Protein backbone atom coordinates (compact mmCIF):
# COMPACT_ATOMS: atom_id res chain seq x y z
CA MET A 1 -31.18 14.82 -23.37
CA LYS A 2 -31.77 12.89 -20.16
CA LYS A 3 -29.78 9.74 -19.89
CA SER A 4 -31.55 6.41 -19.37
CA PHE A 5 -29.91 3.27 -18.08
CA LEU A 6 -31.14 -0.39 -17.98
CA PHE A 7 -31.37 -1.53 -14.52
CA PHE A 8 -30.80 -5.04 -13.16
CA ALA A 9 -30.87 -6.16 -9.50
CA ALA A 10 -30.75 -9.68 -8.03
CA PHE A 11 -31.11 -10.80 -4.45
CA ALA A 12 -30.65 -14.22 -3.20
CA ILE A 13 -30.65 -15.93 0.20
CA SER A 14 -29.27 -19.53 0.42
CA GLY A 15 -29.70 -21.25 -2.89
CA GLY A 16 -28.41 -21.43 -6.40
CA MET A 17 -29.29 -18.74 -9.03
CA SER A 18 -27.99 -17.45 -12.37
CA PHE A 19 -29.36 -14.18 -13.81
CA ALA A 20 -28.87 -12.63 -17.17
CA GLN A 21 -30.54 -9.69 -19.01
CA GLY A 22 -29.26 -9.14 -22.54
CA PRO A 23 -25.53 -9.78 -23.45
CA SER A 24 -24.22 -6.86 -21.40
CA ARG A 25 -25.29 -7.63 -17.82
CA ILE A 26 -24.75 -10.92 -16.24
CA ALA A 27 -24.96 -12.06 -12.64
CA ASN A 28 -24.29 -15.52 -11.40
CA ILE A 29 -25.13 -16.46 -7.76
CA THR A 30 -24.40 -19.94 -6.49
CA GLU A 31 -24.95 -20.62 -2.83
CA THR A 32 -24.83 -23.73 -0.66
CA GLY A 33 -25.10 -24.16 3.03
CA MET A 34 -27.37 -21.88 5.17
CA GLY A 35 -28.09 -18.33 5.91
CA HIS A 36 -26.15 -16.71 2.96
CA GLN A 37 -27.17 -13.23 1.67
CA ALA A 38 -26.19 -11.94 -1.74
CA THR A 39 -27.36 -8.68 -3.44
CA VAL A 40 -26.36 -7.59 -7.03
CA ASN A 41 -27.34 -4.15 -8.49
CA GLN A 42 -26.13 -3.47 -12.00
CA SER A 43 -27.12 -0.54 -14.33
CA GLY A 44 -26.02 1.16 -17.47
CA PRO A 45 -25.66 0.25 -21.18
CA GLY A 46 -22.14 -1.22 -20.94
CA TYR A 47 -21.01 -4.76 -20.22
CA ILE A 48 -21.16 -5.75 -16.57
CA LYS A 49 -20.57 -9.13 -14.88
CA ALA A 50 -20.88 -10.24 -11.29
CA ASP A 51 -19.96 -13.64 -10.00
CA VAL A 52 -20.97 -14.67 -6.40
CA MET A 53 -20.24 -18.11 -4.91
CA GLN A 54 -20.76 -18.85 -1.28
CA SER A 55 -20.62 -22.14 0.62
CA LYS A 56 -20.88 -23.26 4.26
CA ALA A 57 -22.88 -20.64 6.20
CA PHE A 58 -23.83 -17.09 6.92
CA ASN A 59 -21.71 -15.37 4.33
CA SER A 60 -22.80 -12.05 2.90
CA ALA A 61 -21.99 -10.47 -0.52
CA LYS A 62 -23.15 -7.17 -1.98
CA ILE A 63 -22.19 -5.83 -5.44
CA ASP A 64 -23.13 -2.44 -6.94
CA GLN A 65 -21.89 -1.86 -10.46
CA ILE A 66 -22.55 0.97 -12.97
CA ASN A 67 -21.17 0.92 -16.58
CA GLU A 68 -21.95 4.15 -18.64
CA HIS A 69 -19.97 2.84 -21.71
CA LEU A 70 -20.71 0.99 -24.80
CA LEU A 71 -17.06 0.97 -25.88
CA ASN A 72 -15.35 -2.28 -26.55
CA GLY A 73 -13.15 -3.16 -23.63
CA ALA A 74 -15.01 -0.83 -21.34
CA LYS A 75 -16.15 -3.57 -19.06
CA ILE A 76 -16.79 -4.13 -15.39
CA GLU A 77 -16.18 -7.59 -13.83
CA SER A 78 -16.24 -8.89 -10.31
CA THR A 79 -15.69 -12.19 -8.49
CA VAL A 80 -16.71 -12.96 -4.84
CA THR A 81 -15.92 -16.55 -3.67
CA GLN A 82 -16.35 -17.35 0.05
CA SER A 83 -16.17 -20.87 1.30
CA GLY A 84 -15.87 -20.01 5.11
CA ILE A 85 -18.38 -18.92 7.78
CA GLY A 86 -19.41 -15.35 8.47
CA ASN A 87 -17.55 -13.58 5.81
CA LYS A 88 -18.58 -10.26 4.23
CA ALA A 89 -17.65 -8.91 0.91
CA THR A 90 -18.68 -5.46 -0.68
CA VAL A 91 -17.85 -4.39 -4.11
CA ALA A 92 -18.74 -1.04 -5.72
CA GLN A 93 -17.60 -0.19 -9.26
CA THR A 94 -18.49 2.79 -11.42
CA HIS A 95 -17.10 3.24 -14.90
CA ASN A 96 -17.70 6.75 -16.20
CA GLY A 97 -14.26 7.81 -17.47
CA LEU A 98 -12.99 8.05 -21.08
CA GLY A 99 -11.44 5.12 -22.98
CA GLY A 100 -12.35 1.44 -23.33
CA PHE A 101 -10.64 0.10 -20.12
CA LEU A 102 -11.55 -2.69 -17.78
CA LEU A 103 -12.59 -2.49 -14.25
CA LYS A 104 -11.94 -5.68 -12.32
CA ALA A 105 -12.37 -6.70 -8.68
CA ASP A 106 -11.68 -10.17 -7.14
CA ILE A 107 -12.39 -11.20 -3.59
CA LEU A 108 -11.57 -14.67 -2.46
CA GLN A 109 -12.17 -15.58 1.15
CA SER A 110 -11.62 -19.07 2.58
CA GLY A 111 -11.34 -18.27 6.31
CA ASN A 112 -14.01 -17.24 8.73
CA LYS A 113 -15.36 -13.75 9.78
CA ASN A 114 -13.30 -11.95 7.22
CA THR A 115 -14.34 -8.55 5.81
CA ALA A 116 -13.38 -7.20 2.30
CA THR A 117 -14.27 -3.99 0.57
CA GLN A 118 -13.40 -2.90 -2.90
CA ILE A 119 -14.16 0.57 -4.47
CA GLN A 120 -13.22 1.40 -8.12
CA GLY A 121 -14.29 4.50 -9.74
CA PRO A 122 -15.98 6.83 -10.60
CA ALA A 123 -13.56 9.15 -12.35
CA SER A 124 -13.42 12.54 -10.87
CA PHE A 125 -10.62 14.96 -11.64
CA MET A 126 -9.05 12.68 -14.20
CA PRO A 127 -11.16 12.03 -17.23
CA PHE A 128 -9.74 8.56 -18.06
CA LEU A 129 -10.53 5.61 -15.89
CA GLY A 130 -8.97 2.16 -15.97
CA PRO A 131 -7.76 -0.41 -16.43
CA LEU A 132 -8.02 -1.02 -12.80
CA THR A 133 -7.38 -4.25 -10.92
CA ALA A 134 -8.21 -4.90 -7.25
CA SER A 135 -7.53 -8.31 -5.73
CA ILE A 136 -8.15 -9.47 -2.03
CA ILE A 137 -7.32 -13.02 -0.93
CA GLN A 138 -7.96 -13.88 2.73
CA SER A 139 -7.53 -17.39 4.07
CA GLY A 140 -7.08 -16.58 7.68
CA ASN A 141 -9.76 -15.52 10.15
CA SER A 142 -11.04 -12.23 11.27
CA ASN A 143 -9.09 -10.22 8.68
CA THR A 144 -10.14 -6.83 7.33
CA ALA A 145 -9.14 -5.56 3.84
CA SER A 146 -10.04 -2.46 2.07
CA GLN A 147 -9.06 -1.20 -1.49
CA GLU A 148 -10.07 1.98 -3.18
CA GLN A 149 -8.82 2.90 -6.76
CA TYR A 150 -9.21 5.66 -9.28
CA GLY A 151 -7.14 6.78 -12.28
CA VAL A 152 -5.43 4.78 -14.96
CA ILE A 153 -3.55 1.42 -14.90
CA ASN A 154 -3.42 0.92 -11.21
CA VAL A 155 -3.16 -2.50 -9.48
CA ALA A 156 -3.94 -3.33 -5.81
CA THR A 157 -3.29 -6.56 -4.11
CA ILE A 158 -3.96 -7.69 -0.49
CA VAL A 159 -3.06 -11.35 0.58
CA GLN A 160 -3.79 -12.21 4.21
CA SER A 161 -3.26 -15.73 5.44
CA GLY A 162 -2.91 -14.87 9.07
CA ASN A 163 -5.60 -13.90 11.69
CA HIS A 164 -6.88 -10.53 12.90
CA ASN A 165 -4.89 -8.51 10.19
CA THR A 166 -6.03 -5.23 8.69
CA ALA A 167 -4.92 -3.92 5.35
CA THR A 168 -5.96 -0.61 3.55
CA GLN A 169 -4.98 0.53 0.15
CA LEU A 170 -5.75 3.85 -1.77
CA GLN A 171 -4.46 4.70 -5.24
CA THR A 172 -5.23 7.60 -7.48
CA MET A 173 -3.55 8.89 -10.78
CA ASN A 174 -1.94 6.37 -12.99
CA ASN A 175 0.53 3.29 -13.26
CA ASN A 176 0.64 2.58 -9.63
CA ASN A 177 1.15 -0.77 -7.87
CA ALA A 178 0.41 -1.61 -4.29
CA MET A 179 0.98 -4.98 -2.63
CA ILE A 180 0.29 -6.10 0.97
CA ASP A 181 1.10 -9.70 2.25
CA GLN A 182 0.46 -10.44 5.88
CA SER A 183 0.92 -14.08 7.04
CA GLY A 184 1.39 -13.18 10.74
CA ASN A 185 -1.43 -12.23 13.24
CA PHE A 186 -2.72 -8.92 14.49
CA ASN A 187 -0.68 -6.82 11.91
CA THR A 188 -1.87 -3.52 10.33
CA ALA A 189 -0.79 -2.18 6.84
CA SER A 190 -1.84 0.92 5.13
CA GLN A 191 -0.74 2.26 1.72
CA THR A 192 -1.64 5.54 -0.06
CA GLN A 193 -0.37 6.40 -3.43
CA ASN A 194 -1.52 9.77 -5.01
CA GLY A 195 1.16 10.07 -7.86
CA SER A 196 2.21 8.16 -10.98
CA TRP A 197 4.60 5.18 -11.56
CA LEU A 198 4.64 4.42 -7.73
CA ASN A 199 5.34 1.07 -6.32
CA ALA A 200 4.54 0.14 -2.55
CA ASP A 201 5.15 -3.23 -1.04
CA ILE A 202 4.41 -4.30 2.66
CA ASN A 203 5.33 -7.90 3.86
CA GLN A 204 4.70 -8.80 7.44
CA SER A 205 5.15 -12.33 8.60
CA GLY A 206 5.46 -11.52 12.29
CA SER A 207 2.63 -10.51 14.69
CA PHE A 208 1.51 -7.08 16.13
CA ASN A 209 3.39 -5.18 13.42
CA HIS A 210 2.22 -1.74 11.89
CA ALA A 211 3.46 -0.57 8.55
CA THR A 212 2.33 2.77 6.78
CA GLN A 213 3.38 3.95 3.27
CA GLU A 214 2.41 7.23 1.69
CA GLN A 215 3.81 8.27 -1.58
CA TYR A 216 3.28 11.11 -3.89
CA GLY A 217 5.18 12.38 -7.01
CA GLU A 218 6.60 9.94 -9.65
CA TYR A 219 8.79 6.78 -9.93
CA ASN A 220 9.00 6.27 -6.19
CA VAL A 221 9.47 2.82 -4.44
CA ALA A 222 8.62 2.01 -0.75
CA THR A 223 9.25 -1.42 0.62
CA ALA A 224 8.60 -2.71 4.20
CA ASP A 225 9.53 -6.17 5.29
CA GLN A 226 8.83 -7.00 8.94
CA SER A 227 9.36 -10.53 9.97
CA GLY A 228 9.63 -9.88 13.73
CA SER A 229 6.94 -8.74 16.02
CA GLY A 230 5.83 -5.61 17.57
CA ASN A 231 7.62 -3.46 14.86
CA MET A 232 6.39 -0.20 13.45
CA SER A 233 7.48 1.45 10.22
CA SER A 234 6.42 4.71 8.42
CA GLN A 235 7.57 5.70 4.99
CA ILE A 236 6.41 9.03 3.49
CA GLN A 237 7.65 10.32 0.16
CA ARG A 238 6.15 13.69 -0.33
CA GLN A 239 4.64 15.93 -2.94
CA SER A 240 6.60 16.35 -6.27
CA SER A 241 9.09 13.77 -5.27
CA LYS A 242 10.62 11.67 -7.93
CA PHE A 243 12.92 8.53 -8.12
CA ASN A 244 12.79 8.21 -4.28
CA LEU A 245 13.51 4.87 -2.66
CA ALA A 246 12.80 3.96 0.85
CA THR A 247 13.37 0.44 2.28
CA VAL A 248 12.60 -0.94 5.79
CA LEU A 249 13.74 -4.40 6.93
CA GLN A 250 12.97 -5.33 10.55
CA LYS A 251 13.74 -8.92 11.69
CA GLY A 252 13.89 -8.13 15.44
CA ASN A 253 11.14 -7.23 17.81
CA TRP A 254 9.68 -3.95 18.92
CA GLY A 255 11.64 -1.70 16.52
CA THR A 256 10.56 1.50 15.10
CA ALA A 257 11.55 2.89 11.75
CA ILE A 258 10.58 6.31 10.34
CA GLN A 259 11.53 7.71 6.91
CA ASP A 260 10.36 11.05 5.57
CA GLN A 261 11.78 12.19 2.08
CA LYS A 262 10.82 15.37 0.22
CA GLY A 263 12.76 16.26 -2.72
CA ASN A 264 13.89 14.10 -5.70
CA TRP A 265 16.62 11.41 -5.89
CA ASN A 266 16.43 10.62 -2.15
CA LYS A 267 17.31 7.09 -0.90
CA ALA A 268 16.94 5.74 2.64
CA GLU A 269 17.29 2.23 4.12
CA ILE A 270 16.76 1.05 7.56
CA GLU A 271 17.66 -2.62 8.69
CA GLN A 272 17.21 -3.73 12.34
CA GLY A 273 18.49 -7.11 12.83
CA ASP A 274 17.71 -10.43 14.51
CA PHE A 275 18.95 -9.56 18.06
CA SER A 276 17.61 -5.98 18.32
CA PHE A 277 16.07 -4.61 21.40
CA GLY A 278 14.40 -1.24 21.62
CA ASN A 279 15.84 0.07 18.47
CA TYR A 280 14.66 3.46 17.16
CA ALA A 281 15.67 4.72 13.73
CA LYS A 282 14.70 8.05 12.06
CA GLN A 283 15.62 9.31 8.72
CA ILE A 284 14.46 12.73 7.31
CA GLN A 285 15.84 13.95 3.98
CA VAL A 286 14.88 17.19 2.03
CA SER A 287 16.31 18.17 -1.32
CA ASP A 288 14.83 20.34 -4.09
CA GLY A 289 15.83 17.62 -6.69
CA GLN A 290 17.28 19.64 -9.46
CA LEU A 291 20.26 17.45 -10.01
CA PHE A 292 19.63 14.64 -12.39
CA THR A 293 22.77 12.53 -11.93
CA SER A 294 22.07 10.28 -8.88
CA TYR A 295 20.34 10.41 -5.46
CA VAL A 296 20.87 13.87 -3.82
CA ASN A 297 20.62 12.61 -0.37
CA LYS A 298 21.40 9.10 0.76
CA ALA A 299 21.05 7.57 4.34
CA LYS A 300 21.39 4.12 5.65
CA ILE A 301 20.86 2.73 9.16
CA THR A 302 21.78 -0.74 10.29
CA GLN A 303 21.39 -1.71 13.83
CA ASP A 304 22.10 -5.40 14.68
CA GLY A 305 23.36 -6.03 18.21
CA PHE A 306 21.33 -6.65 21.32
CA GLY A 307 20.65 -3.43 23.37
CA SER A 308 18.95 0.05 23.40
CA ASN A 309 20.08 1.33 19.96
CA TYR A 310 19.01 4.74 18.77
CA ALA A 311 19.94 6.32 15.43
CA GLU A 312 18.61 9.54 13.80
CA GLN A 313 19.75 11.13 10.52
CA ILE A 314 18.42 14.48 9.17
CA GLN A 315 19.85 15.70 5.86
CA THR A 316 18.74 19.00 4.12
CA ASN A 317 20.13 19.73 0.78
CA THR A 318 18.53 22.52 -1.12
CA ASN A 319 20.03 22.97 -4.44
CA SER A 320 20.95 26.59 -4.99
CA PRO A 321 20.63 27.90 -8.56
CA PHE A 322 24.00 29.67 -8.18
CA ILE A 323 26.10 27.07 -6.30
CA PRO A 324 25.50 23.43 -7.37
CA ILE A 325 25.54 21.21 -4.44
CA LEU A 326 26.51 17.61 -4.46
CA PRO A 327 24.69 14.96 -2.41
CA ASN A 328 24.60 14.39 1.37
CA ASP A 329 25.64 10.88 2.45
CA ALA A 330 25.22 9.53 5.90
CA THR A 331 25.70 6.03 7.19
CA ILE A 332 25.07 4.58 10.77
CA ALA A 333 25.95 1.04 11.63
CA GLN A 334 25.49 -0.05 15.42
CA ASP A 335 26.26 -3.40 16.90
CA GLY A 336 26.21 -3.90 20.62
CA PHE A 337 24.49 -2.28 23.65
CA MET A 338 23.42 1.25 24.81
CA ASN A 339 24.49 2.80 21.32
CA TYR A 340 23.28 6.31 20.28
CA ALA A 341 24.21 8.05 17.07
CA SER A 342 22.80 11.24 15.44
CA GLN A 343 23.89 12.93 12.28
CA THR A 344 22.62 16.28 10.99
CA GLN A 345 23.70 17.65 7.73
CA PHE A 346 22.55 20.87 5.98
CA GLY A 347 23.56 22.40 2.74
CA GLY A 348 25.22 19.43 0.94
CA SER A 349 28.58 17.96 -0.13
CA ASN A 350 28.65 16.44 3.39
CA LEU A 351 29.65 12.82 4.15
CA SER A 352 29.50 11.26 7.57
CA THR A 353 29.83 7.58 8.59
CA ILE A 354 29.41 6.26 12.18
CA LEU A 355 30.23 2.75 13.09
CA GLN A 356 29.87 1.55 16.68
CA THR A 357 30.43 -2.13 17.65
CA GLY A 358 31.06 -1.68 21.34
CA SER A 359 28.93 -0.93 24.47
CA PHE A 360 27.85 2.44 25.93
CA ASN A 361 28.75 4.38 22.82
CA HIS A 362 27.62 7.94 22.04
CA ALA A 363 28.26 9.85 18.86
CA VAL A 364 26.88 13.18 17.48
CA VAL A 365 27.96 14.67 14.06
CA THR A 366 26.53 18.09 12.72
CA GLN A 367 27.74 19.53 9.61
CA THR A 368 26.09 22.78 8.26
CA PRO A 369 27.95 24.67 5.36
CA VAL A 370 25.20 27.19 4.67
CA LEU A 371 21.57 26.11 5.37
CA PRO A 372 19.85 25.99 8.65
């Protein structure tokens, strides 16, 4: 049997309008000022609601929503509120998955020349879809925000109060939470989560910072807090990882932090302090994650002084089925000028700590019981 959907479209330019067709499709458009454009396209037998409210001048909003469900709770709702000048909002939501879950998208823009895009659904490889919540709040100027979500019980939030910031979020699977808060200027943040029970958080209050988070597996947490300027952080927790934790705190300027974790039970922290200059920190941890006691690999880098600090930690701990291997542990703390520290540990049961507080220091530690 061929499916048939009721179709509803509304288009408005500068005015005040309210549309309704039956109890399941509602579109409210309220516009003041001049030069606004609002387009709403809604189809399907299920409940759909669109709210567009634009003031001042030359704002643009486009909403496309399809709901194939008549189940209670299987609803689609969206809100676009723009009170500035020259803002653009785009919402696309398609509900075709199993279950009576809500798809909700909110865009609130009070600044000028901001761009926001939200995409939720349709369901692809996973039959269930929703509840999904996407929220974008932009009070600065010339910001760009993009959210794309699929799966079940995912929440994405972007708050940008600075100017010329860019934020991107992509979430699939289920029970994921992504948060980006940028109050500085000219910052870039990107989050990708393709697993379950994942949590990603980026907070950038400085300027010209760049943060990237990419997570797979389950129960992983990635946090990046950059209050300085010109910092770059990259956090990747790879396929089949579980219970990984990666944290980056950069309070200085022009620091670089890279963390790459593969197995299970890894933990990595990088903190680069207020007086840092030219710091570079890199942590790569690999384990097969068969131990269910605590973190298999653990690495921490703290660089505080003023100078050209460089720290690199590489830990490989593959758990042999014949020889149980205990966690690797590496810690580097550097305070001063012209410091360099590198720790490489293979196999496991290794513990290495480097603390340098003086000047012109150099330290290299390599421990390899078995594995290359």
